[in-house]
Amino acid sequence: MIITIEMSHYPLVEIYEGPIITLIKKLKGVEGLSVYTNAMSTYVQGEFDLAMYHITETLKEVYADGIPSSTVMKIIPRKLPIERGWMEF
């Protein structure tokens, strides 16, 4: 099953860009996942097990850095047309 995940990662520190970029780069490095970003969130698409495994492992690494943070995710069990950063109706 293909899933689309919208995720936003919020490091709770003054200089927050680094941890976000690290998270995105790690996910972009996974073969079989499509990762798109915009100014507000990151979208990940792929097979359910592959996507969930790599998001879990990546978040473990990011959280292990000790930077307090929050991650919000929405998961939809289908492929959405998010390549351009928006959907047309």
N, C-alpha and C. Protein backbone atom coordinates (compact mmCIF):
# COMPACT_ATOMS: atom_id res chain seq x y z
N MET A 1 0.84 -1.17 0.00
CA MET A 1 0.00 0.00 0.00
C MET A 1 0.89 1.24 0.00
N ILE A 2 0.61 2.18 -0.91
CA ILE A 2 1.33 3.45 -0.94
C ILE A 2 0.67 4.40 0.05
N ILE A 3 1.49 5.12 0.81
CA ILE A 3 0.97 6.12 1.73
C ILE A 3 1.61 7.47 1.44
N THR A 4 0.91 8.51 1.83
CA THR A 4 1.43 9.88 1.79
C THR A 4 1.41 10.38 3.22
N ILE A 5 2.55 10.90 3.66
CA ILE A 5 2.68 11.41 5.02
C ILE A 5 3.05 12.88 4.94
N GLU A 6 2.31 13.71 5.63
CA GLU A 6 2.70 15.10 5.79
C GLU A 6 3.28 15.21 7.19
N MET A 7 4.50 15.71 7.28
CA MET A 7 5.11 15.82 8.60
C MET A 7 5.74 17.20 8.78
N SER A 8 5.65 17.67 10.01
CA SER A 8 6.29 18.91 10.41
C SER A 8 7.07 18.63 11.68
N HIS A 9 8.33 19.05 11.67
CA HIS A 9 9.21 18.83 12.82
C HIS A 9 9.53 20.18 13.43
N TYR A 10 9.35 20.30 14.73
CA TYR A 10 9.52 21.57 15.42
C TYR A 10 10.57 21.44 16.53
N PRO A 11 11.84 21.74 16.25
CA PRO A 11 12.83 21.79 17.32
C PRO A 11 12.50 22.98 18.23
N LEU A 12 12.47 22.75 19.51
CA LEU A 12 12.08 23.77 20.48
C LEU A 12 13.29 24.53 20.99
N VAL A 13 14.05 25.07 20.04
CA VAL A 13 15.25 25.85 20.33
C VAL A 13 15.26 27.07 19.42
N GLU A 14 16.06 28.06 19.80
CA GLU A 14 16.11 29.31 19.03
C GLU A 14 16.64 29.10 17.61
N ILE A 15 17.68 28.31 17.46
CA ILE A 15 18.23 28.03 16.13
C ILE A 15 17.71 26.65 15.72
N TYR A 16 16.65 26.64 14.95
CA TYR A 16 15.90 25.41 14.67
C TYR A 16 16.11 24.83 13.28
N GLU A 17 16.72 25.59 12.36
CA GLU A 17 16.79 25.12 10.98
C GLU A 17 17.63 23.85 10.81
N GLY A 18 18.74 23.75 11.51
CA GLY A 18 19.65 22.61 11.35
C GLY A 18 18.99 21.25 11.57
N PRO A 19 18.31 21.04 12.69
CA PRO A 19 17.67 19.75 12.91
C PRO A 19 16.61 19.42 11.86
N ILE A 20 15.90 20.42 11.38
CA ILE A 20 14.88 20.18 10.35
C ILE A 20 15.54 19.74 9.06
N ILE A 21 16.58 20.44 8.65
CA ILE A 21 17.29 20.10 7.42
C ILE A 21 17.92 18.72 7.52
N THR A 22 18.46 18.38 8.67
CA THR A 22 19.05 17.05 8.89
C THR A 22 17.99 15.97 8.70
N LEU A 23 16.83 16.15 9.28
CA LEU A 23 15.73 15.18 9.15
C LEU A 23 15.34 15.00 7.69
N ILE A 24 15.17 16.10 6.97
CA ILE A 24 14.75 16.03 5.56
C ILE A 24 15.82 15.34 4.72
N LYS A 25 17.07 15.69 4.91
CA LYS A 25 18.16 15.08 4.13
C LYS A 25 18.24 13.57 4.37
N LYS A 26 18.06 13.15 5.61
CA LYS A 26 18.10 11.71 5.90
C LYS A 26 16.98 10.98 5.17
N LEU A 27 15.79 11.54 5.17
CA LEU A 27 14.67 10.90 4.49
C LEU A 27 14.85 10.93 2.97
N LYS A 28 15.41 12.02 2.44
CA LYS A 28 15.64 12.11 0.99
C LYS A 28 16.67 11.08 0.54
N GLY A 29 17.50 10.61 1.43
CA GLY A 29 18.52 9.63 1.09
C GLY A 29 18.02 8.19 1.02
N VAL A 30 16.76 7.97 1.30
CA VAL A 30 16.20 6.62 1.33
C VAL A 30 15.65 6.27 -0.06
N GLU A 31 16.24 5.23 -0.66
CA GLU A 31 15.75 4.77 -1.96
C GLU A 31 14.35 4.18 -1.79
N GLY A 32 13.44 4.56 -2.67
CA GLY A 32 12.08 4.07 -2.61
C GLY A 32 11.11 5.06 -1.98
N LEU A 33 11.62 6.12 -1.37
CA LEU A 33 10.76 7.16 -0.82
C LEU A 33 10.85 8.41 -1.69
N SER A 34 9.72 9.05 -1.89
CA SER A 34 9.68 10.36 -2.53
C SER A 34 9.47 11.38 -1.43
N VAL A 35 10.33 12.40 -1.41
CA VAL A 35 10.26 13.41 -0.35
C VAL A 35 10.17 14.79 -1.01
N TYR A 36 9.15 15.54 -0.64
CA TYR A 36 8.93 16.88 -1.16
C TYR A 36 8.80 17.83 0.03
N THR A 37 9.31 19.01 -0.12
CA THR A 37 9.21 19.99 0.96
C THR A 37 8.60 21.29 0.45
N ASN A 38 7.97 22.01 1.35
CA ASN A 38 7.56 23.38 1.10
C ASN A 38 7.90 24.18 2.35
N ALA A 39 7.48 25.40 2.41
CA ALA A 39 7.85 26.25 3.54
C ALA A 39 7.22 25.80 4.86
N MET A 40 6.18 24.98 4.81
CA MET A 40 5.46 24.62 6.02
C MET A 40 5.64 23.18 6.48
N SER A 41 5.92 22.26 5.54
CA SER A 41 5.98 20.86 5.93
C SER A 41 6.73 20.04 4.89
N THR A 42 6.90 18.77 5.21
CA THR A 42 7.56 17.82 4.32
C THR A 42 6.58 16.69 4.03
N TYR A 43 6.56 16.24 2.78
CA TYR A 43 5.70 15.14 2.37
C TYR A 43 6.57 13.94 2.02
N VAL A 44 6.19 12.79 2.50
CA VAL A 44 6.90 11.55 2.22
C VAL A 44 5.90 10.57 1.60
N GLN A 45 6.29 9.96 0.48
CA GLN A 45 5.45 8.95 -0.16
C GLN A 45 6.26 7.69 -0.37
N GLY A 46 5.59 6.56 -0.21
CA GLY A 46 6.23 5.28 -0.47
C GLY A 46 5.38 4.15 0.07
N GLU A 47 5.92 2.95 -0.06
CA GLU A 47 5.24 1.79 0.51
C GLU A 47 5.14 1.95 2.03
N PHE A 48 4.02 1.54 2.58
CA PHE A 48 3.73 1.74 4.01
C PHE A 48 4.89 1.29 4.90
N ASP A 49 5.30 0.04 4.78
CA ASP A 49 6.33 -0.49 5.68
C ASP A 49 7.65 0.24 5.52
N LEU A 50 8.04 0.53 4.28
CA LEU A 50 9.30 1.24 4.03
C LEU A 50 9.26 2.64 4.63
N ALA A 51 8.18 3.37 4.36
CA ALA A 51 8.08 4.75 4.85
C ALA A 51 8.06 4.79 6.38
N MET A 52 7.24 3.96 6.99
CA MET A 52 7.13 3.98 8.44
C MET A 52 8.43 3.55 9.12
N TYR A 53 9.10 2.54 8.55
CA TYR A 53 10.37 2.10 9.11
C TYR A 53 11.39 3.24 9.12
N HIS A 54 11.55 3.88 7.96
CA HIS A 54 12.59 4.91 7.86
C HIS A 54 12.23 6.19 8.62
N ILE A 55 10.96 6.52 8.69
CA ILE A 55 10.58 7.67 9.52
C ILE A 55 10.86 7.37 10.98
N THR A 56 10.52 6.17 11.43
CA THR A 56 10.79 5.78 12.82
C THR A 56 12.28 5.83 13.13
N GLU A 57 13.09 5.22 12.27
CA GLU A 57 14.54 5.19 12.50
C GLU A 57 15.15 6.59 12.46
N THR A 58 14.68 7.41 11.52
CA THR A 58 15.20 8.78 11.40
C THR A 58 14.82 9.61 12.62
N LEU A 59 13.58 9.48 13.07
CA LEU A 59 13.17 10.22 14.26
C LEU A 59 13.94 9.77 15.50
N LYS A 60 14.23 8.47 15.62
CA LYS A 60 15.05 8.00 16.74
C LYS A 60 16.39 8.70 16.75
N GLU A 61 17.02 8.81 15.57
CA GLU A 61 18.32 9.48 15.47
C GLU A 61 18.20 10.96 15.84
N VAL A 62 17.18 11.62 15.31
CA VAL A 62 17.00 13.05 15.57
C VAL A 62 16.72 13.28 17.06
N TYR A 63 15.86 12.49 17.66
CA TYR A 63 15.55 12.66 19.07
C TYR A 63 16.74 12.32 19.97
N ALA A 64 17.59 11.41 19.51
CA ALA A 64 18.77 11.04 20.31
C ALA A 64 19.77 12.18 20.43
N ASP A 65 19.67 13.17 19.55
CA ASP A 65 20.57 14.33 19.63
C ASP A 65 20.32 15.15 20.89
N GLY A 66 19.18 14.93 21.56
CA GLY A 66 18.90 15.62 22.81
C GLY A 66 18.26 16.99 22.64
N ILE A 67 17.97 17.40 21.41
CA ILE A 67 17.31 18.68 21.19
C ILE A 67 15.81 18.49 21.42
N PRO A 68 15.22 19.24 22.35
CA PRO A 68 13.79 19.06 22.57
C PRO A 68 13.03 19.43 21.29
N SER A 69 12.07 18.60 20.93
CA SER A 69 11.34 18.86 19.69
C SER A 69 9.99 18.15 19.70
N SER A 70 9.18 18.55 18.75
CA SER A 70 7.88 17.94 18.55
C SER A 70 7.73 17.64 17.06
N THR A 71 7.12 16.51 16.74
CA THR A 71 6.88 16.14 15.34
C THR A 71 5.40 15.84 15.18
N VAL A 72 4.80 16.42 14.16
CA VAL A 72 3.39 16.22 13.86
C VAL A 72 3.30 15.55 12.50
N MET A 73 2.50 14.46 12.41
CA MET A 73 2.36 13.74 11.15
C MET A 73 0.89 13.46 10.86
N LYS A 74 0.57 13.52 9.56
CA LYS A 74 -0.73 13.06 9.07
C LYS A 74 -0.44 12.00 8.03
N ILE A 75 -1.13 10.86 8.12
CA ILE A 75 -0.89 9.74 7.22
C ILE A 75 -2.17 9.44 6.45
N ILE A 76 -2.04 9.38 5.13
CA ILE A 76 -3.17 9.05 4.27
C ILE A 76 -2.79 7.82 3.47
N PRO A 77 -3.62 6.77 3.47
CA PRO A 77 -3.26 5.51 2.81
C PRO A 77 -3.52 5.51 1.30
N ARG A 78 -2.92 6.46 0.61
CA ARG A 78 -2.97 6.49 -0.85
C ARG A 78 -1.96 7.52 -1.36
N LYS A 79 -1.69 7.46 -2.63
CA LYS A 79 -0.78 8.42 -3.24
C LYS A 79 -1.55 9.69 -3.57
N LEU A 80 -1.05 10.81 -3.07
CA LEU A 80 -1.65 12.10 -3.37
C LEU A 80 -0.73 12.87 -4.32
N PRO A 81 -1.29 13.72 -5.18
CA PRO A 81 -0.47 14.48 -6.13
C PRO A 81 0.18 15.70 -5.46
N ILE A 82 1.25 15.47 -4.74
CA ILE A 82 1.87 16.54 -3.95
C ILE A 82 3.19 17.03 -4.56
N GLU A 83 3.52 16.58 -5.75
CA GLU A 83 4.82 16.89 -6.34
C GLU A 83 5.05 18.39 -6.50
N ARG A 84 4.00 19.15 -6.78
CA ARG A 84 4.17 20.60 -6.95
C ARG A 84 3.91 21.38 -5.67
N GLY A 85 3.62 20.69 -4.59
CA GLY A 85 3.41 21.36 -3.31
C GLY A 85 1.97 21.74 -3.04
N TRP A 86 1.07 21.44 -3.95
CA TRP A 86 -0.34 21.73 -3.73
C TRP A 86 -1.18 20.77 -4.55
N MET A 87 -2.46 20.77 -4.28
CA MET A 87 -3.38 19.91 -5.02
C MET A 87 -4.35 20.79 -5.81
N GLU A 88 -4.70 20.35 -6.99
CA GLU A 88 -5.68 21.05 -7.79
C GLU A 88 -7.00 20.29 -7.74
N PHE A 89 -8.10 21.02 -7.73
CA PHE A 89 -9.42 20.40 -7.68
C PHE A 89 -10.17 20.73 -8.95
